[in-house]
Amino acid sequence: MALFKKRTVGKPGEWFYCLAHHKVEEGPECPAKDRFGPYPTREEAEHAMRHAQERNLEWENDPKWHDKSAPTESAD
């Protein structure tokens, strides 16, 4: 008898995108470190990578995250 049971996270009807297998899963099939989600629908999970790319692009271009660096002074 096992002392600890492996608990799953999520419920049927929750959708995830598996980064390891590049596929949509209902309920948690793969470890949390390898998935995005949960999403309420399969269609939203199918577009997880596109949404992640769009968010990354927004963050890369967000002026709040990019301080204007002061010009460096050369040591003469």
C-alpha atoms as a PDB file:
ATOM      1  CA  MET A   1       0.000   0.000   0.000  1.00  0.00           C
ATOM      2  CA  ALA A   2       1.395   3.353  -1.027  1.00  0.00           C
ATOM      3  CA  LEU A   3       1.743   5.978   1.643  1.00  0.00           C
ATOM      4  CA  PHE A   4       1.198   8.834  -0.761  1.00  0.00           C
ATOM      5  CA  LYS A   5      -1.181   8.860  -3.659  1.00  0.00           C
ATOM      6  CA  LYS A   6      -0.265  10.722  -6.796  1.00  0.00           C
ATOM      7  CA  ARG A   7      -2.693  13.601  -6.995  1.00  0.00           C
ATOM      8  CA  THR A   8      -3.696  15.087 -10.295  1.00  0.00           C
ATOM      9  CA  VAL A   9      -4.436  18.749 -10.715  1.00  0.00           C
ATOM     10  CA  GLY A  10      -7.403  19.801 -12.755  1.00  0.00           C
ATOM     11  CA  LYS A  11     -10.725  18.328 -13.670  1.00  0.00           C
ATOM     12  CA  PRO A  12     -12.336  16.862 -16.755  1.00  0.00           C
ATOM     13  CA  GLY A  13     -13.468  19.738 -18.925  1.00  0.00           C
ATOM     14  CA  GLU A  14     -10.258  21.681 -18.304  1.00  0.00           C
ATOM     15  CA  TRP A  15      -7.960  21.806 -21.288  1.00  0.00           C
ATOM     16  CA  PHE A  16      -4.170  22.081 -21.352  1.00  0.00           C
ATOM     17  CA  TYR A  17      -1.514  22.480 -24.011  1.00  0.00           C
ATOM     18  CA  CYS A  18       1.399  20.079 -23.496  1.00  0.00           C
ATOM     19  CA  LEU A  19       4.745  21.671 -24.344  1.00  0.00           C
ATOM     20  CA  ALA A  20       6.549  18.313 -24.390  1.00  0.00           C
ATOM     21  CA  HIS A  21       4.196  16.601 -26.837  1.00  0.00           C
ATOM     22  CA  HIS A  22       2.832  19.691 -28.653  1.00  0.00           C
ATOM     23  CA  LYS A  23      -0.748  18.571 -28.218  1.00  0.00           C
ATOM     24  CA  VAL A  24      -3.952  19.516 -26.432  1.00  0.00           C
ATOM     25  CA  GLU A  25      -4.979  17.397 -23.442  1.00  0.00           C
ATOM     26  CA  GLU A  26      -8.196  17.229 -21.462  1.00  0.00           C
ATOM     27  CA  GLY A  27      -7.353  17.129 -17.800  1.00  0.00           C
ATOM     28  CA  PRO A  28      -3.757  16.932 -16.684  1.00  0.00           C
ATOM     29  CA  GLU A  29      -1.935  14.152 -18.500  1.00  0.00           C
ATOM     30  CA  CYS A  30       1.576  15.584 -18.336  1.00  0.00           C
ATOM     31  CA  PRO A  31       3.431  17.246 -15.440  1.00  0.00           C
ATOM     32  CA  ALA A  32       2.609  20.889 -14.712  1.00  0.00           C
ATOM     33  CA  LYS A  33       6.096  21.981 -15.772  1.00  0.00           C
ATOM     34  CA  ASP A  34       5.291  20.802 -19.312  1.00  0.00           C
ATOM     35  CA  ARG A  35       1.914  22.428 -19.871  1.00  0.00           C
ATOM     36  CA  PHE A  36      -0.001  25.668 -20.288  1.00  0.00           C
ATOM     37  CA  GLY A  37      -3.487  25.949 -18.879  1.00  0.00           C
ATOM     38  CA  PRO A  38      -6.075  25.273 -17.800  1.00  0.00           C
ATOM     39  CA  TYR A  39      -8.227  26.666 -20.571  1.00  0.00           C
ATOM     40  CA  PRO A  40     -12.029  26.481 -20.584  1.00  0.00           C
ATOM     41  CA  THR A  41     -12.240  25.101 -24.137  1.00  0.00           C
ATOM     42  CA  ARG A  42     -10.223  22.899 -26.440  1.00  0.00           C
ATOM     43  CA  GLU A  43     -10.048  25.705 -29.010  1.00  0.00           C
ATOM     44  CA  GLU A  44      -8.392  28.084 -26.552  1.00  0.00           C
ATOM     45  CA  ALA A  45      -5.848  25.426 -25.598  1.00  0.00           C
ATOM     46  CA  GLU A  46      -5.066  24.844 -29.288  1.00  0.00           C
ATOM     47  CA  HIS A  47      -4.052  28.508 -29.578  1.00  0.00           C
ATOM     48  CA  ALA A  48      -1.936  28.560 -26.402  1.00  0.00           C
ATOM     49  CA  MET A  49       1.394  28.954 -28.206  1.00  0.00           C
ATOM     50  CA  ARG A  50       0.101  31.782 -30.393  1.00  0.00           C
ATOM     51  CA  HIS A  51      -1.192  33.627 -27.330  1.00  0.00           C
ATOM     52  CA  ALA A  52       2.119  33.111 -25.530  1.00  0.00           C
ATOM     53  CA  GLN A  53       4.028  34.526 -28.517  1.00  0.00           C
ATOM     54  CA  GLU A  54       1.713  37.551 -28.655  1.00  0.00           C
ATOM     55  CA  ARG A  55       2.167  38.211 -24.919  1.00  0.00           C
ATOM     56  CA  ASN A  56       5.940  37.864 -25.195  1.00  0.00           C
ATOM     57  CA  LEU A  57       5.996  40.375 -28.037  1.00  0.00           C
ATOM     58  CA  GLU A  58       3.870  42.808 -26.014  1.00  0.00           C
ATOM     59  CA  TRP A  59       6.196  42.491 -23.026  1.00  0.00           C
ATOM     60  CA  GLU A  60       9.310  42.932 -25.156  1.00  0.00           C
ATOM     61  CA  ASN A  61       7.898  46.190 -26.516  1.00  0.00           C
ATOM     62  CA  ASP A  62       6.490  47.483 -23.221  1.00  0.00           C
ATOM     63  CA  PRO A  63       8.377  50.673 -22.290  1.00  0.00           C
ATOM     64  CA  LYS A  64       7.728  50.043 -18.576  1.00  0.00           C
ATOM     65  CA  TRP A  65      10.062  47.033 -18.770  1.00  0.00           C
ATOM     66  CA  HIS A  66      12.854  48.753 -20.660  1.00  0.00           C
ATOM     67  CA  ASP A  67      14.725  51.447 -18.805  1.00  0.00           C
ATOM     68  CA  LYS A  68      16.589  53.878 -20.978  1.00  0.00           C
ATOM     69  CA  SER A  69      20.173  53.243 -20.104  1.00  0.00           C
ATOM     70  CA  ALA A  70      22.434  56.184 -19.415  1.00  0.00           C
ATOM     71  CA  PRO A  71      25.250  56.648 -21.893  1.00  0.00           C
ATOM     72  CA  THR A  72      28.358  54.883 -20.700  1.00  0.00           C
ATOM     73  CA  GLU A  73      31.359  56.986 -19.905  1.00  0.00           C
ATOM     74  CA  SER A  74      34.694  55.829 -21.132  1.00  0.00           C
ATOM     75  CA  ALA A  75      37.567  55.747 -18.655  1.00  0.00           C
ATOM     76  CA  ASP A  76      40.412  57.777 -20.110  1.00  0.00           C
END
